[in-house]
PDB file of all heavy atoms in Angstrom:
ATOM      1  N   ALA A   1      -7.940   9.882  -1.818  1.00  0.00           N
ATOM      2  CA  ALA A   1      -6.547  10.152  -1.981  1.00  0.00           C
ATOM      3  C   ALA A   1      -5.671   9.110  -1.108  1.00  0.00           C
ATOM      4  O   ALA A   1      -4.614   8.612  -1.537  1.00  0.00           O
ATOM      5  CB  ALA A   1      -6.167  11.564  -1.608  1.00  0.00           C
ATOM      6  N   TRP A   2      -6.219   8.795  -0.061  1.00  0.00           N
ATOM      7  CA  TRP A   2      -5.423   7.863   0.923  1.00  0.00           C
ATOM      8  C   TRP A   2      -5.526   6.449   0.169  1.00  0.00           C
ATOM      9  O   TRP A   2      -4.413   5.807   0.231  1.00  0.00           O
ATOM     10  CB  TRP A   2      -6.131   7.787   2.223  1.00  0.00           C
ATOM     11  CG  TRP A   2      -5.530   6.970   3.252  1.00  0.00           C
ATOM     12  CD1 TRP A   2      -4.469   7.349   4.164  1.00  0.00           C
ATOM     13  CD2 TRP A   2      -5.682   5.556   3.401  1.00  0.00           C
ATOM     14  NE1 TRP A   2      -4.027   6.276   4.876  1.00  0.00           N
ATOM     15  CE2 TRP A   2      -4.743   5.166   4.600  1.00  0.00           C
ATOM     16  CE3 TRP A   2      -6.435   4.563   3.020  1.00  0.00           C
ATOM     17  CZ2 TRP A   2      -4.673   3.926   5.063  1.00  0.00           C
ATOM     18  CZ3 TRP A   2      -6.415   3.243   3.540  1.00  0.00           C
ATOM     19  CH2 TRP A   2      -5.477   2.919   4.486  1.00  0.00           C
ATOM     20  N   VAL A   3      -6.612   6.070  -0.372  1.00  0.00           N
ATOM     21  CA  VAL A   3      -6.644   4.746  -1.006  1.00  0.00           C
ATOM     22  C   VAL A   3      -5.681   4.757  -2.213  1.00  0.00           C
ATOM     23  O   VAL A   3      -4.847   3.773  -2.302  1.00  0.00           O
ATOM     24  CB  VAL A   3      -8.019   4.412  -1.538  1.00  0.00           C
ATOM     25  CG1 VAL A   3      -8.083   3.233  -2.430  1.00  0.00           C
ATOM     26  CG2 VAL A   3      -8.941   4.168  -0.299  1.00  0.00           C
ATOM     27  N   LEU A   4      -5.595   5.791  -2.991  1.00  0.00           N
ATOM     28  CA  LEU A   4      -4.802   5.835  -4.172  1.00  0.00           C
ATOM     29  C   LEU A   4      -3.331   5.815  -3.698  1.00  0.00           C
ATOM     30  O   LEU A   4      -2.494   5.230  -4.373  1.00  0.00           O
ATOM     31  CB  LEU A   4      -5.042   7.098  -4.976  1.00  0.00           C
ATOM     32  CG  LEU A   4      -6.426   7.143  -5.715  1.00  0.00           C
ATOM     33  CD1 LEU A   4      -6.620   8.506  -6.414  1.00  0.00           C
ATOM     34  CD2 LEU A   4      -6.492   5.981  -6.698  1.00  0.00           C
ATOM     35  N   MET A   5      -2.881   6.406  -2.588  1.00  0.00           N
ATOM     36  CA  MET A   5      -1.635   6.413  -2.101  1.00  0.00           C
ATOM     37  C   MET A   5      -1.231   4.982  -1.684  1.00  0.00           C
ATOM     38  O   MET A   5      -0.059   4.584  -1.932  1.00  0.00           O
ATOM     39  CB  MET A   5      -1.566   7.344  -0.801  1.00  0.00           C
ATOM     40  CG  MET A   5      -0.136   7.423  -0.232  1.00  0.00           C
ATOM     41  SD  MET A   5      -0.054   8.857   0.896  1.00  0.00           S
ATOM     42  CE  MET A   5      -1.120   8.211   2.252  1.00  0.00           C
ATOM     43  N   GLN A   6      -2.091   4.157  -1.199  1.00  0.00           N
ATOM     44  CA  GLN A   6      -1.787   2.848  -0.773  1.00  0.00           C
ATOM     45  C   GLN A   6      -1.516   1.998  -1.948  1.00  0.00           C
ATOM     46  O   GLN A   6      -0.627   1.195  -2.099  1.00  0.00           O
ATOM     47  CB  GLN A   6      -2.981   2.190   0.044  1.00  0.00           C
ATOM     48  CG  GLN A   6      -3.520   2.930   1.195  1.00  0.00           C
ATOM     49  CD  GLN A   6      -2.521   3.551   2.099  1.00  0.00           C
ATOM     50  OE1 GLN A   6      -1.555   2.910   2.626  1.00  0.00           O
ATOM     51  NE2 GLN A   6      -2.507   4.878   2.206  1.00  0.00           N
ATOM     52  N   ILE A   7      -2.360   2.238  -3.064  1.00  0.00           N
ATOM     53  CA  ILE A   7      -2.141   1.493  -4.301  1.00  0.00           C
ATOM     54  C   ILE A   7      -0.729   1.842  -4.968  1.00  0.00           C
ATOM     55  O   ILE A   7       0.032   1.023  -5.418  1.00  0.00           O
ATOM     56  CB  ILE A   7      -3.281   1.631  -5.240  1.00  0.00           C
ATOM     57  CG1 ILE A   7      -4.519   1.125  -4.664  1.00  0.00           C
ATOM     58  CG2 ILE A   7      -3.009   1.003  -6.623  1.00  0.00           C
ATOM     59  CD1 ILE A   7      -5.809   1.490  -5.401  1.00  0.00           C
ATOM     60  N   TRP A   8      -0.453   3.100  -4.927  1.00  0.00           N
ATOM     61  CA  TRP A   8       0.787   3.697  -5.501  1.00  0.00           C
ATOM     62  C   TRP A   8       1.937   2.987  -4.795  1.00  0.00           C
ATOM     63  O   TRP A   8       2.953   2.619  -5.395  1.00  0.00           O
ATOM     64  CB  TRP A   8       0.824   5.143  -5.392  1.00  0.00           C
ATOM     65  CG  TRP A   8       1.987   5.764  -6.114  1.00  0.00           C
ATOM     66  CD1 TRP A   8       2.076   6.149  -7.474  1.00  0.00           C
ATOM     67  CD2 TRP A   8       3.223   5.970  -5.528  1.00  0.00           C
ATOM     68  NE1 TRP A   8       3.333   6.675  -7.716  1.00  0.00           N
ATOM     69  CE2 TRP A   8       4.064   6.564  -6.611  1.00  0.00           C
ATOM     70  CE3 TRP A   8       3.858   5.836  -4.351  1.00  0.00           C
ATOM     71  CZ2 TRP A   8       5.343   6.913  -6.442  1.00  0.00           C
ATOM     72  CZ3 TRP A   8       5.099   6.116  -4.182  1.00  0.00           C
ATOM     73  CH2 TRP A   8       5.964   6.672  -5.102  1.00  0.00           C
ATOM     74  N   ASN A   9       1.870   2.957  -3.416  1.00  0.00           N
ATOM     75  CA  ASN A   9       3.005   2.470  -2.685  1.00  0.00           C
ATOM     76  C   ASN A   9       3.146   0.923  -2.881  1.00  0.00           C
ATOM     77  O   ASN A   9       4.340   0.488  -2.916  1.00  0.00           O
ATOM     78  CB  ASN A   9       2.681   2.669  -1.160  1.00  0.00           C
ATOM     79  CG  ASN A   9       2.976   4.147  -0.775  1.00  0.00           C
ATOM     80  OD1 ASN A   9       3.878   4.753  -1.191  1.00  0.00           O
ATOM     81  ND2 ASN A   9       2.214   4.691   0.038  1.00  0.00           N
ATOM     82  N   VAL A  10       2.107   0.180  -3.042  1.00  0.00           N
ATOM     83  CA  VAL A  10       2.178  -1.332  -3.419  1.00  0.00           C
ATOM     84  C   VAL A  10       3.000  -1.436  -4.698  1.00  0.00           C
ATOM     85  O   VAL A  10       3.796  -2.309  -4.794  1.00  0.00           O
ATOM     86  CB  VAL A  10       0.863  -1.916  -3.378  1.00  0.00           C
ATOM     87  CG1 VAL A  10       0.903  -3.285  -4.174  1.00  0.00           C
ATOM     88  CG2 VAL A  10       0.336  -2.146  -2.062  1.00  0.00           C
ATOM     89  N   ILE A  11       2.744  -0.581  -5.668  1.00  0.00           N
ATOM     90  CA  ILE A  11       3.213  -0.761  -6.981  1.00  0.00           C
ATOM     91  C   ILE A  11       4.666  -0.286  -6.976  1.00  0.00           C
ATOM     92  O   ILE A  11       5.637  -0.824  -7.580  1.00  0.00           O
ATOM     93  CB  ILE A  11       2.477   0.011  -8.013  1.00  0.00           C
ATOM     94  CG1 ILE A  11       1.054  -0.579  -8.173  1.00  0.00           C
ATOM     95  CG2 ILE A  11       3.167  -0.006  -9.331  1.00  0.00           C
ATOM     96  CD1 ILE A  11       0.103   0.223  -8.966  1.00  0.00           C
ATOM     97  N   ASN A  12       4.971   0.832  -6.251  1.00  0.00           N
ATOM     98  CA  ASN A  12       6.321   1.481  -6.456  1.00  0.00           C
ATOM     99  C   ASN A  12       7.304   1.387  -5.309  1.00  0.00           C
ATOM    100  O   ASN A  12       8.478   1.616  -5.476  1.00  0.00           O
ATOM    101  CB  ASN A  12       5.986   3.011  -6.686  1.00  0.00           C
ATOM    102  CG  ASN A  12       5.283   3.304  -7.977  1.00  0.00           C
ATOM    103  OD1 ASN A  12       5.963   3.221  -9.036  1.00  0.00           O
ATOM    104  ND2 ASN A  12       4.024   3.470  -7.927  1.00  0.00           N
ATOM    105  N   VAL A  13       6.787   1.074  -4.104  1.00  0.00           N
ATOM    106  CA  VAL A  13       7.741   1.062  -3.001  1.00  0.00           C
ATOM    107  C   VAL A  13       8.026  -0.513  -2.664  1.00  0.00           C
ATOM    108  O   VAL A  13       7.120  -1.301  -2.448  1.00  0.00           O
ATOM    109  CB  VAL A  13       7.101   1.674  -1.716  1.00  0.00           C
ATOM    110  CG1 VAL A  13       8.032   1.561  -0.548  1.00  0.00           C
ATOM    111  CG2 VAL A  13       6.803   3.160  -2.025  1.00  0.00           C
ATOM    112  N   HIS A  14       9.240  -0.745  -2.530  1.00  0.00           N
ATOM    113  CA  HIS A  14       9.755  -2.054  -2.240  1.00  0.00           C
ATOM    114  C   HIS A  14      10.590  -2.012  -0.937  1.00  0.00           C
ATOM    115  O   HIS A  14      11.541  -1.196  -0.835  1.00  0.00           O
ATOM    116  CB  HIS A  14      10.579  -2.771  -3.319  1.00  0.00           C
ATOM    117  CG  HIS A  14       9.839  -2.744  -4.687  1.00  0.00           C
ATOM    118  ND1 HIS A  14       8.923  -3.609  -4.931  1.00  0.00           N
ATOM    119  CD2 HIS A  14       9.932  -1.879  -5.771  1.00  0.00           C
ATOM    120  CE1 HIS A  14       8.427  -3.363  -6.146  1.00  0.00           C
ATOM    121  NE2 HIS A  14       9.032  -2.429  -6.750  1.00  0.00           N
ATOM    122  N   GLY A  15      10.224  -2.886   0.036  1.00  0.00           N
ATOM    123  CA  GLY A  15      10.900  -2.826   1.316  1.00  0.00           C
ATOM    124  C   GLY A  15      10.260  -1.740   2.123  1.00  0.00           C
ATOM    125  O   GLY A  15       9.179  -1.273   1.997  1.00  0.00           O
ATOM    126  N   GLY A  16      11.076  -1.300   3.182  1.00  0.00           N
ATOM    127  CA  GLY A  16      10.598  -0.320   4.117  1.00  0.00           C
ATOM    128  C   GLY A  16       9.847  -0.963   5.278  1.00  0.00           C
ATOM    129  O   GLY A  16       9.696  -2.089   5.370  1.00  0.00           O
ATOM    130  N   GLU A  17       9.385  -0.112   6.120  1.00  0.00           N
ATOM    131  CA  GLU A  17       8.765  -0.543   7.331  1.00  0.00           C
ATOM    132  C   GLU A  17       7.259  -0.738   7.377  1.00  0.00           C
ATOM    133  O   GLU A  17       6.654  -1.331   8.133  1.00  0.00           O
ATOM    134  CB  GLU A  17       9.122   0.338   8.548  1.00  0.00           C
ATOM    135  CG  GLU A  17      10.579   0.511   8.860  1.00  0.00           C
ATOM    136  CD  GLU A  17      10.896   1.388  10.056  1.00  0.00           C
ATOM    137  OE1 GLU A  17       9.919   2.029  10.526  1.00  0.00           O
ATOM    138  OE2 GLU A  17      12.024   1.482  10.516  1.00  0.00           O
ATOM    139  N   THR A  18       6.609  -0.203   6.327  1.00  0.00           N
ATOM    140  CA  THR A  18       5.131  -0.232   6.239  1.00  0.00           C
ATOM    141  C   THR A  18       4.726  -1.420   5.292  1.00  0.00           C
ATOM    142  O   THR A  18       5.264  -1.592   4.133  1.00  0.00           O
ATOM    143  CB  THR A  18       4.643   1.035   5.524  1.00  0.00           C
ATOM    144  OG1 THR A  18       5.014   2.211   6.340  1.00  0.00           O
ATOM    145  CG2 THR A  18       3.153   1.041   5.479  1.00  0.00           C
ATOM    146  N   ALA A  19       3.863  -2.244   5.803  1.00  0.00           N
ATOM    147  CA  ALA A  19       3.339  -3.333   5.088  1.00  0.00           C
ATOM    148  C   ALA A  19       2.059  -3.005   4.221  1.00  0.00           C
ATOM    149  O   ALA A  19       0.987  -3.102   4.583  1.00  0.00           O
ATOM    150  CB  ALA A  19       2.829  -4.456   6.099  1.00  0.00           C
ATOM    151  N   TRP A  20       2.433  -2.416   3.028  1.00  0.00           N
ATOM    152  CA  TRP A  20       1.398  -1.811   2.158  1.00  0.00           C
ATOM    153  C   TRP A  20       0.368  -2.934   1.705  1.00  0.00           C
ATOM    154  O   TRP A  20      -0.818  -2.572   1.562  1.00  0.00           O
ATOM    155  CB  TRP A  20       2.081  -1.227   0.910  1.00  0.00           C
ATOM    156  CG  TRP A  20       3.027  -0.109   1.352  1.00  0.00           C
ATOM    157  CD1 TRP A  20       4.372  -0.077   1.165  1.00  0.00           C
ATOM    158  CD2 TRP A  20       2.695   1.142   1.947  1.00  0.00           C
ATOM    159  NE1 TRP A  20       4.899   1.060   1.664  1.00  0.00           N
ATOM    160  CE2 TRP A  20       3.883   1.891   2.084  1.00  0.00           C
ATOM    161  CE3 TRP A  20       1.515   1.801   2.263  1.00  0.00           C
ATOM    162  CZ2 TRP A  20       3.928   3.206   2.597  1.00  0.00           C
ATOM    163  CZ3 TRP A  20       1.540   3.026   2.822  1.00  0.00           C
ATOM    164  CH2 TRP A  20       2.727   3.680   2.949  1.00  0.00           C
ATOM    165  N   TRP A  21       0.792  -4.168   1.544  1.00  0.00           N
ATOM    166  CA  TRP A  21      -0.099  -5.240   1.126  1.00  0.00           C
ATOM    167  C   TRP A  21      -1.174  -5.459   2.218  1.00  0.00           C
ATOM    168  O   TRP A  21      -2.310  -5.814   1.888  1.00  0.00           O
ATOM    169  CB  TRP A  21       0.643  -6.501   0.782  1.00  0.00           C
ATOM    170  CG  TRP A  21       1.092  -6.484  -0.670  1.00  0.00           C
ATOM    171  CD1 TRP A  21       2.394  -6.430  -1.181  1.00  0.00           C
ATOM    172  CD2 TRP A  21       0.254  -6.538  -1.864  1.00  0.00           C
ATOM    173  NE1 TRP A  21       2.410  -6.428  -2.422  1.00  0.00           N
ATOM    174  CE2 TRP A  21       1.105  -6.528  -2.958  1.00  0.00           C
ATOM    175  CE3 TRP A  21      -1.155  -6.717  -1.990  1.00  0.00           C
ATOM    176  CZ2 TRP A  21       0.668  -6.675  -4.257  1.00  0.00           C
ATOM    177  CZ3 TRP A  21      -1.554  -6.763  -3.324  1.00  0.00           C
ATOM    178  CH2 TRP A  21      -0.746  -6.774  -4.384  1.00  0.00           C
ATOM    179  N   ALA A  22      -0.875  -5.273   3.477  1.00  0.00           N
ATOM    180  CA  ALA A  22      -1.812  -5.428   4.559  1.00  0.00           C
ATOM    181  C   ALA A  22      -2.928  -4.347   4.345  1.00  0.00           C
ATOM    182  O   ALA A  22      -4.195  -4.674   4.580  1.00  0.00           O
ATOM    183  CB  ALA A  22      -1.229  -5.319   5.866  1.00  0.00           C
ATOM    184  N   HIS A  23      -2.558  -3.150   3.930  1.00  0.00           N
ATOM    185  CA  HIS A  23      -3.614  -2.095   3.729  1.00  0.00           C
ATOM    186  C   HIS A  23      -4.543  -2.556   2.505  1.00  0.00           C
ATOM    187  O   HIS A  23      -5.751  -2.344   2.604  1.00  0.00           O
ATOM    188  CB  HIS A  23      -2.939  -0.796   3.366  1.00  0.00           C
ATOM    189  CG  HIS A  23      -1.986  -0.257   4.533  1.00  0.00           C
ATOM    190  ND1 HIS A  23      -1.404   1.022   4.426  1.00  0.00           N
ATOM    191  CD2 HIS A  23      -1.713  -0.705   5.697  1.00  0.00           C
ATOM    192  CE1 HIS A  23      -0.662   1.117   5.473  1.00  0.00           C
ATOM    193  NE2 HIS A  23      -0.876   0.056   6.295  1.00  0.00           N
ATOM    194  N   ILE A  24      -3.947  -3.032   1.454  1.00  0.00           N
ATOM    195  CA  ILE A  24      -4.631  -3.469   0.369  1.00  0.00           C
ATOM    196  C   ILE A  24      -5.732  -4.550   0.654  1.00  0.00           C
ATOM    197  O   ILE A  24      -6.868  -4.566   0.254  1.00  0.00           O
ATOM    198  CB  ILE A  24      -3.795  -3.820  -0.895  1.00  0.00           C
ATOM    199  CG1 ILE A  24      -2.892  -2.649  -1.319  1.00  0.00           C
ATOM    200  CG2 ILE A  24      -4.552  -4.362  -2.049  1.00  0.00           C
ATOM    201  CD1 ILE A  24      -3.676  -1.404  -1.757  1.00  0.00           C
ATOM    202  N   GLY A  25      -5.283  -5.535   1.452  1.00  0.00           N
ATOM    203  CA  GLY A  25      -6.106  -6.636   1.872  1.00  0.00           C
ATOM    204  C   GLY A  25      -7.236  -6.169   2.687  1.00  0.00           C
ATOM    205  O   GLY A  25      -8.344  -6.543   2.500  1.00  0.00           O
ATOM    206  N   GLY A  26      -6.974  -5.253   3.618  1.00  0.00           N
ATOM    207  CA  GLY A  26      -8.080  -4.753   4.460  1.00  0.00           C
ATOM    208  C   GLY A  26      -9.067  -3.879   3.598  1.00  0.00           C
ATOM    209  O   GLY A  26     -10.336  -3.989   3.770  1.00  0.00           O
ATOM    210  N   LEU A  27      -8.536  -3.053   2.720  1.00  0.00           N
ATOM    211  CA  LEU A  27      -9.309  -2.179   1.821  1.00  0.00           C
ATOM    212  C   LEU A  27     -10.262  -3.106   0.951  1.00  0.00           C
ATOM    213  O   LEU A  27     -11.530  -2.890   0.928  1.00  0.00           O
ATOM    214  CB  LEU A  27      -8.501  -1.434   0.922  1.00  0.00           C
ATOM    215  CG  LEU A  27      -7.922  -0.103   1.426  1.00  0.00           C
ATOM    216  CD1 LEU A  27      -6.858   0.445   0.478  1.00  0.00           C
ATOM    217  CD2 LEU A  27      -9.023   0.928   1.602  1.00  0.00           C
ATOM    218  N   ALA A  28      -9.799  -4.174   0.404  1.00  0.00           N
ATOM    219  CA  ALA A  28     -10.503  -5.047  -0.490  1.00  0.00           C
ATOM    220  C   ALA A  28     -11.666  -5.685   0.252  1.00  0.00           C
ATOM    221  O   ALA A  28     -12.816  -5.692  -0.239  1.00  0.00           O
ATOM    222  CB  ALA A  28      -9.648  -6.036  -1.194  1.00  0.00           C
TER     223      ALA A  28
END
């Protein structure tokens, strides 16, 4: 669920304080 939440945020959230792409890079 945590992984899916990171992917959802990369697709749908723009801006904000969290660097979602950093999470995706680490996951991959």
